[in-house]
Amino acid sequence: MTADPFDLIAVNLPDETPLDWMAAAACATTNPDAWFPESGESPRPAIRICTSCEVRAQCLQYAIDNGEYWGTWGGLTARELRKLRHETGAAA
């Protein structure tokens, strides 16, 4: 008997994936528009939520590692992220 190519293949996934932290983020249940304010809008509402977020460090690291250049990540604005990248020599 030959194997059916459409049979499901069992895949073992690790208990935790690199993006699992996102589910615990304080912003996960809020309006995403707050993290990507339009020109002239304040990022302060997002930053205020970020300050008490338990995964703030992971969020900031994600933004740095993935070259996020727009929005609020880990409590930093896009401008602050650019400055941090420049100061640390991280890729933009």
C-alpha atoms as a PDB file:
ATOM      1  CA  MET A   1       0.000   0.000   0.000  1.00  0.00           C
ATOM      2  CA  THR A   2       1.367   3.464  -0.883  1.00  0.00           C
ATOM      3  CA  ALA A   3       1.215   6.452   1.421  1.00  0.00           C
ATOM      4  CA  ASP A   4      -1.484   8.998   0.708  1.00  0.00           C
ATOM      5  CA  PRO A   5       0.242  12.355   0.049  1.00  0.00           C
ATOM      6  CA  PHE A   6      -2.752  14.129   1.560  1.00  0.00           C
ATOM      7  CA  ASP A   7      -2.449  12.466   4.976  1.00  0.00           C
ATOM      8  CA  LEU A   8      -1.665  14.926   7.724  1.00  0.00           C
ATOM      9  CA  ILE A   9       1.920  14.868   8.875  1.00  0.00           C
ATOM     10  CA  ALA A  10       2.525  15.070  12.584  1.00  0.00           C
ATOM     11  CA  VAL A  11       4.710  18.035  13.404  1.00  0.00           C
ATOM     12  CA  ASN A  12       6.243  18.482  16.813  1.00  0.00           C
ATOM     13  CA  LEU A  13       6.246  22.143  17.736  1.00  0.00           C
ATOM     14  CA  PRO A  14       8.154  23.566  20.656  1.00  0.00           C
ATOM     15  CA  ASP A  15       6.089  24.465  23.709  1.00  0.00           C
ATOM     16  CA  GLU A  16       6.893  28.103  23.156  1.00  0.00           C
ATOM     17  CA  THR A  17       7.501  29.973  19.911  1.00  0.00           C
ATOM     18  CA  PRO A  18       9.455  33.221  19.538  1.00  0.00           C
ATOM     19  CA  LEU A  19       6.267  35.283  19.273  1.00  0.00           C
ATOM     20  CA  ASP A  20       4.283  33.776  22.167  1.00  0.00           C
ATOM     21  CA  TRP A  21       5.048  36.888  24.207  1.00  0.00           C
ATOM     22  CA  MET A  22       2.650  38.838  21.982  1.00  0.00           C
ATOM     23  CA  ALA A  23      -0.356  37.114  23.553  1.00  0.00           C
ATOM     24  CA  ALA A  24       0.674  38.461  26.971  1.00  0.00           C
ATOM     25  CA  ALA A  25       1.206  42.011  25.707  1.00  0.00           C
ATOM     26  CA  ALA A  26      -0.922  44.716  27.278  1.00  0.00           C
ATOM     27  CA  CYS A  27      -1.738  45.975  23.779  1.00  0.00           C
ATOM     28  CA  ALA A  28      -3.117  42.621  22.595  1.00  0.00           C
ATOM     29  CA  THR A  29      -6.662  43.582  23.571  1.00  0.00           C
ATOM     30  CA  THR A  30      -6.584  47.245  22.628  1.00  0.00           C
ATOM     31  CA  ASN A  31      -7.088  49.242  19.450  1.00  0.00           C
ATOM     32  CA  PRO A  32      -3.948  48.766  17.314  1.00  0.00           C
ATOM     33  CA  ASP A  33      -4.352  52.251  15.843  1.00  0.00           C
ATOM     34  CA  ALA A  34      -3.017  53.700  19.102  1.00  0.00           C
ATOM     35  CA  TRP A  35       0.384  52.130  18.369  1.00  0.00           C
ATOM     36  CA  PHE A  36       0.547  53.600  14.890  1.00  0.00           C
ATOM     37  CA  PRO A  37      -0.575  57.209  15.308  1.00  0.00           C
ATOM     38  CA  GLU A  38      -1.043  59.400  12.269  1.00  0.00           C
ATOM     39  CA  SER A  39       1.051  62.512  11.848  1.00  0.00           C
ATOM     40  CA  GLY A  40       0.121  65.000  14.546  1.00  0.00           C
ATOM     41  CA  GLU A  41      -1.463  62.390  16.833  1.00  0.00           C
ATOM     42  CA  SER A  42       0.127  61.647  20.173  1.00  0.00           C
ATOM     43  CA  PRO A  43       1.753  58.285  20.951  1.00  0.00           C
ATOM     44  CA  ARG A  44       1.232  58.933  24.690  1.00  0.00           C
ATOM     45  CA  PRO A  45      -1.816  56.649  25.119  1.00  0.00           C
ATOM     46  CA  ALA A  46       0.199  53.709  23.763  1.00  0.00           C
ATOM     47  CA  ILE A  47       3.281  54.586  25.784  1.00  0.00           C
ATOM     48  CA  ARG A  48       1.174  54.788  28.948  1.00  0.00           C
ATOM     49  CA  ILE A  49      -0.058  51.224  28.371  1.00  0.00           C
ATOM     50  CA  CYS A  50       3.464  50.016  27.539  1.00  0.00           C
ATOM     51  CA  THR A  51       4.890  51.244  30.834  1.00  0.00           C
ATOM     52  CA  SER A  52       3.046  48.557  32.787  1.00  0.00           C
ATOM     53  CA  CYS A  53       3.365  45.787  30.196  1.00  0.00           C
ATOM     54  CA  GLU A  54       5.059  42.593  31.380  1.00  0.00           C
ATOM     55  CA  VAL A  55       6.557  41.854  27.943  1.00  0.00           C
ATOM     56  CA  ARG A  56       7.846  45.334  27.163  1.00  0.00           C
ATOM     57  CA  ALA A  57      11.460  44.153  26.838  1.00  0.00           C
ATOM     58  CA  GLN A  58      10.536  41.379  24.383  1.00  0.00           C
ATOM     59  CA  CYS A  59       8.499  43.852  22.340  1.00  0.00           C
ATOM     60  CA  LEU A  60      11.369  46.308  22.124  1.00  0.00           C
ATOM     61  CA  GLN A  61      13.799  43.552  21.181  1.00  0.00           C
ATOM     62  CA  TYR A  62      11.391  42.345  18.475  1.00  0.00           C
ATOM     63  CA  ALA A  63      11.219  45.849  17.013  1.00  0.00           C
ATOM     64  CA  ILE A  64      15.003  46.154  16.952  1.00  0.00           C
ATOM     65  CA  ASP A  65      15.565  42.669  15.535  1.00  0.00           C
ATOM     66  CA  ASN A  66      12.945  43.104  12.821  1.00  0.00           C
ATOM     67  CA  GLY A  67      13.703  46.660  11.762  1.00  0.00           C
ATOM     68  CA  GLU A  68      10.340  48.078  12.794  1.00  0.00           C
ATOM     69  CA  TYR A  69      10.488  51.720  11.841  1.00  0.00           C
ATOM     70  CA  TRP A  70       6.912  52.836  12.384  1.00  0.00           C
ATOM     71  CA  GLY A  71       4.766  52.821  15.482  1.00  0.00           C
ATOM     72  CA  THR A  72       5.290  52.434  19.201  1.00  0.00           C
ATOM     73  CA  TRP A  73       7.209  49.326  20.290  1.00  0.00           C
ATOM     74  CA  GLY A  74       8.285  48.488  23.816  1.00  0.00           C
ATOM     75  CA  GLY A  75       7.277  51.943  24.978  1.00  0.00           C
ATOM     76  CA  LEU A  76       9.429  53.783  22.430  1.00  0.00           C
ATOM     77  CA  THR A  77       8.199  55.913  19.557  1.00  0.00           C
ATOM     78  CA  ALA A  78       9.499  55.452  16.022  1.00  0.00           C
ATOM     79  CA  ARG A  79      11.832  58.419  16.528  1.00  0.00           C
ATOM     80  CA  GLU A  80      13.176  56.958  19.793  1.00  0.00           C
ATOM     81  CA  LEU A  81      13.678  53.575  18.103  1.00  0.00           C
ATOM     82  CA  ARG A  82      15.707  55.209  15.321  1.00  0.00           C
ATOM     83  CA  LYS A  83      17.822  57.013  17.910  1.00  0.00           C
ATOM     84  CA  LEU A  84      18.375  53.790  19.855  1.00  0.00           C
ATOM     85  CA  ARG A  85      19.404  51.943  16.682  1.00  0.00           C
ATOM     86  CA  HIS A  86      21.828  54.713  15.818  1.00  0.00           C
ATOM     87  CA  GLU A  87      23.330  54.732  19.315  1.00  0.00           C
ATOM     88  CA  THR A  88      23.703  50.952  19.488  1.00  0.00           C
ATOM     89  CA  GLY A  89      24.649  50.384  15.861  1.00  0.00           C
ATOM     90  CA  ALA A  90      21.656  48.075  15.328  1.00  0.00           C
ATOM     91  CA  ALA A  91      20.464  47.594  11.753  1.00  0.00           C
ATOM     92  CA  ALA A  92      17.695  49.950  10.687  1.00  0.00           C
END
